[in-house]
Amino acid sequence: MHRNNLLRQLSNYRTPYLDEAAHVARAVRFIKDNPQSFNRYHFPVHVSGSAWVVNPSRTATLLMHHKKHNRWLQPGGHADDDPDLIRVALKETAEETGINPQDIYLLSPQIFDVDIHTLPERECCPRHQHIDIRYLIEIDDALPVPGNDESHELRWVPLHAIPRFNNSLTMRRMAEKTRRYLSA
């Protein structure tokens, strides 16, 4: 996948959420103007890929208590120069959950959510932003989730309980989209 494929996806993506629509517009401009935007060392902004992981009944999402950020987040990470963010989201999900890639299902090749968030300065890098492109993925919640060394814990969280783990606007938005997806 070339970055033009992602630009096409972003151009075709529609959202009723005004904050997310602003993220999409900014992402399109940034990716067009920055061919190196998929490199984790492209500061102060670069593109990342994430997965919103749901169970088969769409009643819960899989969150990880991230060690580095000390927050409950969805699986995801740096693109490492790969503009195929579906591949990035699937790879990061397998790595961070410890679940076999054959048990991870992409529900749609369409973008599920777009967010831009700021990460604080760390030993490795300055304060910067991620343009995070998210895809909807399903994993059977009956499977064991061994995780890896990037998290303290992984947990299936009922949609209604997400604010107790992470009350950010983006998490509430993805939970609402999941409820809409279920009723569609």
C-alpha atoms as a PDB file:
ATOM      1  CA  MET A   1       0.000   0.000   0.000  1.00  0.00           C
ATOM      2  CA  HIS A   2       1.307   3.421  -0.920  1.00  0.00           C
ATOM      3  CA  ARG A   3       0.418   6.549   1.065  1.00  0.00           C
ATOM      4  CA  ASN A   4      -1.949   7.486  -1.786  1.00  0.00           C
ATOM      5  CA  ASN A   5      -4.154   4.547  -0.779  1.00  0.00           C
ATOM      6  CA  LEU A   6      -4.406   5.945   2.750  1.00  0.00           C
ATOM      7  CA  LEU A   7      -5.104   9.411   1.357  1.00  0.00           C
ATOM      8  CA  ARG A   8      -7.950   7.910  -0.704  1.00  0.00           C
ATOM      9  CA  GLN A   9      -9.324   6.185   2.385  1.00  0.00           C
ATOM     10  CA  LEU A  10      -9.170   9.416   4.357  1.00  0.00           C
ATOM     11  CA  SER A  11     -10.785  11.407   1.533  1.00  0.00           C
ATOM     12  CA  ASN A  12     -13.679   8.911   1.396  1.00  0.00           C
ATOM     13  CA  TYR A  13     -14.086   8.718   5.176  1.00  0.00           C
ATOM     14  CA  ARG A  14     -17.129  10.473   6.613  1.00  0.00           C
ATOM     15  CA  THR A  15     -17.806  11.136  10.268  1.00  0.00           C
ATOM     16  CA  PRO A  16     -20.617  12.958  12.075  1.00  0.00           C
ATOM     17  CA  TYR A  17     -18.166  14.012  14.820  1.00  0.00           C
ATOM     18  CA  LEU A  18     -16.811  17.541  14.252  1.00  0.00           C
ATOM     19  CA  ASP A  19     -13.609  16.980  16.237  1.00  0.00           C
ATOM     20  CA  GLU A  20     -12.836  13.853  14.242  1.00  0.00           C
ATOM     21  CA  ALA A  21     -13.633  15.605  10.939  1.00  0.00           C
ATOM     22  CA  ALA A  22     -11.001  18.210  11.859  1.00  0.00           C
ATOM     23  CA  HIS A  23      -8.501  15.401  12.557  1.00  0.00           C
ATOM     24  CA  VAL A  24      -9.234  13.859   9.160  1.00  0.00           C
ATOM     25  CA  ALA A  25      -8.708  17.164   7.336  1.00  0.00           C
ATOM     26  CA  ARG A  26      -5.433  17.756   9.176  1.00  0.00           C
ATOM     27  CA  ALA A  27      -4.271  14.179   8.501  1.00  0.00           C
ATOM     28  CA  VAL A  28      -4.894  14.550   4.757  1.00  0.00           C
ATOM     29  CA  ARG A  29      -2.935  17.820   4.579  1.00  0.00           C
ATOM     30  CA  PHE A  30      -0.087  16.436   6.667  1.00  0.00           C
ATOM     31  CA  ILE A  31       0.308  13.140   4.783  1.00  0.00           C
ATOM     32  CA  LYS A  32       0.182  14.936   1.411  1.00  0.00           C
ATOM     33  CA  ASP A  33       2.908  17.357   2.499  1.00  0.00           C
ATOM     34  CA  ASN A  34       5.137  14.854   4.364  1.00  0.00           C
ATOM     35  CA  PRO A  35       6.168  11.706   2.480  1.00  0.00           C
ATOM     36  CA  GLN A  36       8.159  10.591   5.559  1.00  0.00           C
ATOM     37  CA  SER A  37       5.138  10.881   7.870  1.00  0.00           C
ATOM     38  CA  PHE A  38       5.128   7.128   8.587  1.00  0.00           C
ATOM     39  CA  ASN A  39       8.567   7.260  10.225  1.00  0.00           C
ATOM     40  CA  ARG A  40       8.486   7.283  14.030  1.00  0.00           C
ATOM     41  CA  TYR A  41      11.321   9.829  14.084  1.00  0.00           C
ATOM     42  CA  HIS A  42       9.469  12.339  11.916  1.00  0.00           C
ATOM     43  CA  PHE A  43       8.900  15.025  14.551  1.00  0.00           C
ATOM     44  CA  PRO A  44       6.860  16.806  15.693  1.00  0.00           C
ATOM     45  CA  VAL A  45       4.124  14.662  14.055  1.00  0.00           C
ATOM     46  CA  HIS A  46       3.932  11.177  12.567  1.00  0.00           C
ATOM     47  CA  VAL A  47       1.301   8.617  11.611  1.00  0.00           C
ATOM     48  CA  SER A  48       0.455   5.562  13.725  1.00  0.00           C
ATOM     49  CA  GLY A  49      -2.022   2.694  13.339  1.00  0.00           C
ATOM     50  CA  SER A  50      -4.370   1.247  15.946  1.00  0.00           C
ATOM     51  CA  ALA A  51      -7.094  -1.329  16.372  1.00  0.00           C
ATOM     52  CA  TRP A  52     -10.407  -0.956  18.129  1.00  0.00           C
ATOM     53  CA  VAL A  53     -10.802  -4.584  19.156  1.00  0.00           C
ATOM     54  CA  VAL A  54     -14.324  -5.831  19.857  1.00  0.00           C
ATOM     55  CA  ASN A  55     -15.697  -9.186  20.906  1.00  0.00           C
ATOM     56  CA  PRO A  56     -18.103 -11.087  18.587  1.00  0.00           C
ATOM     57  CA  SER A  57     -21.183  -9.713  20.372  1.00  0.00           C
ATOM     58  CA  ARG A  58     -19.774  -6.130  20.139  1.00  0.00           C
ATOM     59  CA  THR A  59     -20.448  -5.579  23.841  1.00  0.00           C
ATOM     60  CA  ALA A  60     -16.828  -5.109  24.953  1.00  0.00           C
ATOM     61  CA  THR A  61     -13.474  -3.849  23.754  1.00  0.00           C
ATOM     62  CA  LEU A  62     -10.005  -5.131  24.572  1.00  0.00           C
ATOM     63  CA  LEU A  63      -7.915  -2.511  26.360  1.00  0.00           C
ATOM     64  CA  MET A  64      -4.343  -2.667  27.555  1.00  0.00           C
ATOM     65  CA  HIS A  65      -2.936  -0.863  30.577  1.00  0.00           C
ATOM     66  CA  HIS A  66       0.107   0.521  28.773  1.00  0.00           C
ATOM     67  CA  LYS A  67       3.295   0.552  30.856  1.00  0.00           C
ATOM     68  CA  LYS A  68       4.969   3.486  29.142  1.00  0.00           C
ATOM     69  CA  HIS A  69       1.909   5.753  29.204  1.00  0.00           C
ATOM     70  CA  ASN A  70       0.287   4.353  32.369  1.00  0.00           C
ATOM     71  CA  ARG A  71      -3.118   4.553  30.685  1.00  0.00           C
ATOM     72  CA  TRP A  72      -5.717   2.142  29.375  1.00  0.00           C
ATOM     73  CA  LEU A  73      -5.490   2.236  25.573  1.00  0.00           C
ATOM     74  CA  GLN A  74      -6.396   0.250  22.482  1.00  0.00           C
ATOM     75  CA  PRO A  75      -3.625  -1.802  20.791  1.00  0.00           C
ATOM     76  CA  GLY A  76      -1.598   0.123  18.251  1.00  0.00           C
ATOM     77  CA  GLY A  77       1.720   1.673  17.470  1.00  0.00           C
ATOM     78  CA  HIS A  78       4.220   3.167  15.093  1.00  0.00           C
ATOM     79  CA  ALA A  79       3.979   2.518  11.370  1.00  0.00           C
ATOM     80  CA  ASP A  80       7.768   2.159  11.045  1.00  0.00           C
ATOM     81  CA  ASP A  81       7.690   3.461   7.451  1.00  0.00           C
ATOM     82  CA  ASP A  82       4.779   1.189   6.450  1.00  0.00           C
ATOM     83  CA  PRO A  83       1.932   3.203   4.883  1.00  0.00           C
ATOM     84  CA  ASP A  84      -0.362   0.128   5.030  1.00  0.00           C
ATOM     85  CA  LEU A  85      -1.989   0.993   8.338  1.00  0.00           C
ATOM     86  CA  ILE A  86      -4.302  -2.014   8.235  1.00  0.00           C
ATOM     87  CA  ARG A  87      -1.206  -4.207   8.306  1.00  0.00           C
ATOM     88  CA  VAL A  88       0.236  -2.038  11.101  1.00  0.00           C
ATOM     89  CA  ALA A  89      -2.960  -2.316  13.178  1.00  0.00           C
ATOM     90  CA  LEU A  90      -3.131  -6.106  12.744  1.00  0.00           C
ATOM     91  CA  LYS A  91       0.575  -6.553  13.539  1.00  0.00           C
ATOM     92  CA  GLU A  92       0.416  -4.345  16.625  1.00  0.00           C
ATOM     93  CA  THR A  93      -2.703  -6.145  17.837  1.00  0.00           C
ATOM     94  CA  ALA A  94      -0.997  -9.541  17.553  1.00  0.00           C
ATOM     95  CA  GLU A  95       2.181  -8.277  19.241  1.00  0.00           C
ATOM     96  CA  GLU A  96       0.504  -6.422  22.096  1.00  0.00           C
ATOM     97  CA  THR A  97      -2.178  -9.007  22.879  1.00  0.00           C
ATOM     98  CA  GLY A  98      -0.081 -12.120  22.291  1.00  0.00           C
ATOM     99  CA  ILE A  99      -2.968 -13.577  20.301  1.00  0.00           C
ATOM    100  CA  ASN A 100      -2.240 -15.643  17.201  1.00  0.00           C
ATOM    101  CA  PRO A 101      -2.709 -13.513  14.039  1.00  0.00           C
ATOM    102  CA  GLN A 102      -5.066 -16.185  12.610  1.00  0.00           C
ATOM    103  CA  ASP A 103      -7.477 -15.390  15.480  1.00  0.00           C
ATOM    104  CA  ILE A 104      -7.561 -11.655  14.713  1.00  0.00           C
ATOM    105  CA  TYR A 105     -10.203 -10.554  12.192  1.00  0.00           C
ATOM    106  CA  LEU A 106     -10.408  -7.259  10.349  1.00  0.00           C
ATOM    107  CA  LEU A 107     -14.131  -6.404  10.282  1.00  0.00           C
ATOM    108  CA  SER A 108     -13.777  -3.755   7.601  1.00  0.00           C
ATOM    109  CA  PRO A 109     -10.959  -2.375   5.462  1.00  0.00           C
ATOM    110  CA  GLN A 110     -12.518   1.067   5.968  1.00  0.00           C
ATOM    111  CA  ILE A 111     -11.178   3.456   8.593  1.00  0.00           C
ATOM    112  CA  PHE A 112     -13.064   3.171  11.877  1.00  0.00           C
ATOM    113  CA  ASP A 113     -11.727   6.278  13.643  1.00  0.00           C
ATOM    114  CA  VAL A 114      -9.113   9.026  13.323  1.00  0.00           C
ATOM    115  CA  ASP A 115      -7.520  10.798  16.248  1.00  0.00           C
ATOM    116  CA  ILE A 116      -4.637  13.179  16.785  1.00  0.00           C
ATOM    117  CA  HIS A 117      -3.129  13.129  20.252  1.00  0.00           C
ATOM    118  CA  THR A 118      -0.018  14.488  21.920  1.00  0.00           C
ATOM    119  CA  LEU A 119       2.606  12.359  23.598  1.00  0.00           C
ATOM    120  CA  PRO A 120       4.838  13.873  26.272  1.00  0.00           C
ATOM    121  CA  GLU A 121       8.585  14.272  25.971  1.00  0.00           C
ATOM    122  CA  ARG A 122      10.475  11.119  26.899  1.00  0.00           C
ATOM    123  CA  GLU A 123      14.078  10.068  27.052  1.00  0.00           C
ATOM    124  CA  CYS A 124      13.864   8.797  23.464  1.00  0.00           C
ATOM    125  CA  CYS A 125      11.960  11.610  21.845  1.00  0.00           C
ATOM    126  CA  PRO A 126      10.564  15.113  22.154  1.00  0.00           C
ATOM    127  CA  ARG A 127       6.938  15.965  22.792  1.00  0.00           C
ATOM    128  CA  HIS A 128       5.117  15.079  19.574  1.00  0.00           C
ATOM    129  CA  GLN A 129       1.788  14.100  18.058  1.00  0.00           C
ATOM    130  CA  HIS A 130       0.420  10.916  16.555  1.00  0.00           C
ATOM    131  CA  ILE A 131      -2.064  10.986  13.731  1.00  0.00           C
ATOM    132  CA  ASP A 132      -3.665   7.684  14.708  1.00  0.00           C
ATOM    133  CA  ILE A 133      -5.672   5.802  12.074  1.00  0.00           C
ATOM    134  CA  ARG A 134      -7.863   3.102  13.639  1.00  0.00           C
ATOM    135  CA  TYR A 135      -9.501  -0.008  12.207  1.00  0.00           C
ATOM    136  CA  LEU A 136     -12.242  -2.217  13.617  1.00  0.00           C
ATOM    137  CA  ILE A 137     -11.003  -5.684  14.564  1.00  0.00           C
ATOM    138  CA  GLU A 138     -12.677  -8.673  16.190  1.00  0.00           C
ATOM    139  CA  ILE A 139     -11.180 -11.211  18.584  1.00  0.00           C
ATOM    140  CA  ASP A 140     -13.079 -13.943  20.388  1.00  0.00           C
ATOM    141  CA  ASP A 141     -13.246 -12.896  24.034  1.00  0.00           C
ATOM    142  CA  ALA A 142     -13.126 -16.575  25.073  1.00  0.00           C
ATOM    143  CA  LEU A 143      -9.479 -16.789  23.951  1.00  0.00           C
ATOM    144  CA  PRO A 144      -6.732 -16.273  26.540  1.00  0.00           C
ATOM    145  CA  VAL A 145      -4.956 -12.920  26.149  1.00  0.00           C
ATOM    146  CA  PRO A 146      -1.337 -13.372  27.258  1.00  0.00           C
ATOM    147  CA  GLY A 147      -0.189  -9.835  26.343  1.00  0.00           C
ATOM    148  CA  ASN A 148       3.453  -8.815  26.211  1.00  0.00           C
ATOM    149  CA  ASP A 149       5.923  -6.698  28.147  1.00  0.00           C
ATOM    150  CA  GLU A 150       4.414  -3.394  26.921  1.00  0.00           C
ATOM    151  CA  SER A 151       1.426  -3.634  29.247  1.00  0.00           C
ATOM    152  CA  HIS A 152       0.616  -4.234  32.878  1.00  0.00           C
ATOM    153  CA  GLU A 153      -2.644  -5.939  31.967  1.00  0.00           C
ATOM    154  CA  LEU A 154      -5.105  -6.569  29.145  1.00  0.00           C
ATOM    155  CA  ARG A 155      -8.809  -6.677  29.869  1.00  0.00           C
ATOM    156  CA  TRP A 156     -12.112  -7.000  28.062  1.00  0.00           C
ATOM    157  CA  VAL A 157     -14.040  -3.891  29.116  1.00  0.00           C
ATOM    158  CA  PRO A 158     -17.812  -3.644  28.595  1.00  0.00           C
ATOM    159  CA  LEU A 159     -18.640  -0.627  26.415  1.00  0.00           C
ATOM    160  CA  HIS A 160     -20.618   1.037  29.194  1.00  0.00           C
ATOM    161  CA  ALA A 161     -17.598   0.768  31.548  1.00  0.00           C
ATOM    162  CA  ILE A 162     -14.996   2.349  29.244  1.00  0.00           C
ATOM    163  CA  PRO A 163     -15.129   5.774  30.983  1.00  0.00           C
ATOM    164  CA  ARG A 164     -13.957   4.127  34.224  1.00  0.00           C
ATOM    165  CA  PHE A 165     -10.767   3.038  32.417  1.00  0.00           C
ATOM    166  CA  ASN A 166     -10.234   5.934  30.024  1.00  0.00           C
ATOM    167  CA  ASN A 167     -12.712   8.793  29.891  1.00  0.00           C
ATOM    168  CA  SER A 168     -11.169  10.547  26.893  1.00  0.00           C
ATOM    169  CA  LEU A 169     -13.373  11.909  24.144  1.00  0.00           C
ATOM    170  CA  THR A 170     -11.821   9.535  21.609  1.00  0.00           C
ATOM    171  CA  MET A 171     -12.597   6.432  23.712  1.00  0.00           C
ATOM    172  CA  ARG A 172     -16.188   7.540  24.265  1.00  0.00           C
ATOM    173  CA  ARG A 173     -16.495   8.231  20.514  1.00  0.00           C
ATOM    174  CA  MET A 174     -15.243   4.736  19.574  1.00  0.00           C
ATOM    175  CA  ALA A 175     -17.610   3.129  22.103  1.00  0.00           C
ATOM    176  CA  GLU A 176     -20.519   5.074  20.585  1.00  0.00           C
ATOM    177  CA  LYS A 177     -19.473   3.999  17.085  1.00  0.00           C
ATOM    178  CA  THR A 178     -19.422   0.375  18.266  1.00  0.00           C
ATOM    179  CA  ARG A 179     -22.960   0.694  19.601  1.00  0.00           C
ATOM    180  CA  ARG A 180     -24.053   2.226  16.268  1.00  0.00           C
ATOM    181  CA  TYR A 181     -22.226  -0.539  14.358  1.00  0.00           C
ATOM    182  CA  LEU A 182     -24.138  -3.149  16.371  1.00  0.00           C
ATOM    183  CA  SER A 183     -27.499  -1.549  15.655  1.00  0.00           C
ATOM    184  CA  ALA A 184     -26.824  -0.997  11.925  1.00  0.00           C
END
